Each structure stands twice: as structure tokens, then as C-alpha cells.
Amino acid sequence: MDKTKALLASWARSSVAGALAVYMTGNTNPKDLSLGLVAGLVPMLARWANPNDDLGVKK
């Protein structure tokens, strides 16, 4: 359960940053903003794919 929470928190941070980056360019198109949210999946998937990354969960 802790890994799931860490994974979701990581996605939320990355997705908000992606959408904010799109918004800060002056683009307020909802489709483009949602693509910024989807782009937040990339760093999360990179962390998930790395077997040495504990996703910030203390063991």
C-alpha cells in the first residue's frame, strides 16, 4: 500500500508540474493541459521501471 501511495503522489507532482508548464506558456486549451497531465506519467514510469528505486518508501 505504501508503494502505491508513493507512486500516486509521484504521478500527482509530475502531472501538476506538466500541466502548469503548459499553462505558463499561455496555452489554456483544455486538451493541451490534459496532455500536460498525461506527460506526468513519464517520470513516474521511469521510477517504476528502475528496480533500484524504492519510490521513497522506507523499509
C-alpha atoms as a PDB file:
ATOM      1  CA  MET A   1       0.000   0.000   0.000  1.00  0.00           C
ATOM      2  CA  ASP A   2       2.864   2.399   0.784  1.00  0.00           C
ATOM      3  CA  LYS A   3       4.355   1.883  -2.675  1.00  0.00           C
ATOM      4  CA  THR A   4       1.003   2.619  -4.285  1.00  0.00           C
ATOM      5  CA  LYS A   5       0.643   5.856  -2.320  1.00  0.00           C
ATOM      6  CA  ALA A   6       4.195   6.865  -3.210  1.00  0.00           C
ATOM      7  CA  LEU A   7       3.574   6.077  -6.871  1.00  0.00           C
ATOM      8  CA  LEU A   8       0.360   8.109  -6.950  1.00  0.00           C
ATOM      9  CA  ALA A   9       1.998  11.026  -5.132  1.00  0.00           C
ATOM     10  CA  SER A  10       4.850  10.962  -7.624  1.00  0.00           C
ATOM     11  CA  TRP A  11       2.397  10.981 -10.529  1.00  0.00           C
ATOM     12  CA  ALA A  12       0.401  13.842  -8.998  1.00  0.00           C
ATOM     13  CA  ARG A  13       3.509  16.007  -8.553  1.00  0.00           C
ATOM     14  CA  SER A  14       4.762  15.323 -12.066  1.00  0.00           C
ATOM     15  CA  SER A  15       1.358  15.804 -13.659  1.00  0.00           C
ATOM     16  CA  VAL A  16       0.671  19.097 -11.936  1.00  0.00           C
ATOM     17  CA  ALA A  17       4.115  20.318 -12.999  1.00  0.00           C
ATOM     18  CA  GLY A  18       3.424  19.267 -16.593  1.00  0.00           C
ATOM     19  CA  ALA A  19       0.047  20.982 -16.724  1.00  0.00           C
ATOM     20  CA  LEU A  20       1.474  24.079 -15.036  1.00  0.00           C
ATOM     21  CA  ALA A  21       4.280  24.257 -17.594  1.00  0.00           C
ATOM     22  CA  VAL A  22       1.727  24.157 -20.413  1.00  0.00           C
ATOM     23  CA  TYR A  23      -0.423  26.807 -18.700  1.00  0.00           C
ATOM     24  CA  MET A  24       2.562  29.101 -18.111  1.00  0.00           C
ATOM     25  CA  THR A  25       3.198  29.260 -21.850  1.00  0.00           C
ATOM     26  CA  GLY A  26      -0.161  30.988 -22.152  1.00  0.00           C
ATOM     27  CA  ASN A  27      -1.915  27.926 -23.507  1.00  0.00           C
ATOM     28  CA  THR A  28      -5.241  27.375 -21.768  1.00  0.00           C
ATOM     29  CA  ASN A  29      -6.611  24.817 -24.194  1.00  0.00           C
ATOM     30  CA  PRO A  30      -8.103  22.024 -22.018  1.00  0.00           C
ATOM     31  CA  LYS A  31      -6.815  19.313 -24.372  1.00  0.00           C
ATOM     32  CA  ASP A  32      -3.263  20.636 -24.152  1.00  0.00           C
ATOM     33  CA  LEU A  33      -3.498  20.976 -20.368  1.00  0.00           C
ATOM     34  CA  SER A  34      -4.701  17.380 -20.107  1.00  0.00           C
ATOM     35  CA  LEU A  35      -1.767  16.276 -22.258  1.00  0.00           C
ATOM     36  CA  GLY A  36       0.470  18.011 -19.708  1.00  0.00           C
ATOM     37  CA  LEU A  37      -1.159  15.855 -17.043  1.00  0.00           C
ATOM     38  CA  VAL A  38      -0.552  12.733 -19.109  1.00  0.00           C
ATOM     39  CA  ALA A  39       3.083  13.753 -19.576  1.00  0.00           C
ATOM     40  CA  GLY A  40       3.400  13.356 -15.811  1.00  0.00           C
ATOM     41  CA  LEU A  41       3.320   9.613 -16.396  1.00  0.00           C
ATOM     42  CA  VAL A  42       6.793   9.622 -17.942  1.00  0.00           C
ATOM     43  CA  PRO A  43       8.858  10.321 -14.786  1.00  0.00           C
ATOM     44  CA  MET A  44       6.620   8.030 -12.731  1.00  0.00           C
ATOM     45  CA  LEU A  45       7.065   5.175 -15.194  1.00  0.00           C
ATOM     46  CA  ALA A  46      10.810   5.771 -15.256  1.00  0.00           C
ATOM     47  CA  ARG A  47      10.962   5.419 -11.477  1.00  0.00           C
ATOM     48  CA  TRP A  48       8.730   2.333 -11.560  1.00  0.00           C
ATOM     49  CA  ALA A  49      10.899   0.701 -14.232  1.00  0.00           C
ATOM     50  CA  ASN A  50      14.057   1.200 -12.154  1.00  0.00           C
ATOM     51  CA  PRO A  51      14.400  -1.822  -9.827  1.00  0.00           C
ATOM     52  CA  ASN A  52      16.819   0.107  -7.590  1.00  0.00           C
ATOM     53  CA  ASP A  53      14.330   2.907  -6.894  1.00  0.00           C
ATOM     54  CA  ASP A  54      12.339   2.333  -3.708  1.00  0.00           C
ATOM     55  CA  LEU A  55       9.920   5.182  -4.619  1.00  0.00           C
ATOM     56  CA  GLY A  56      10.760   6.943  -1.383  1.00  0.00           C
ATOM     57  CA  VAL A  57       9.243   4.191   0.751  1.00  0.00           C
ATOM     58  CA  LYS A  58      11.166   3.415   3.919  1.00  0.00           C
ATOM     59  CA  LYS A  59      11.674  -0.255   4.529  1.00  0.00           C
END
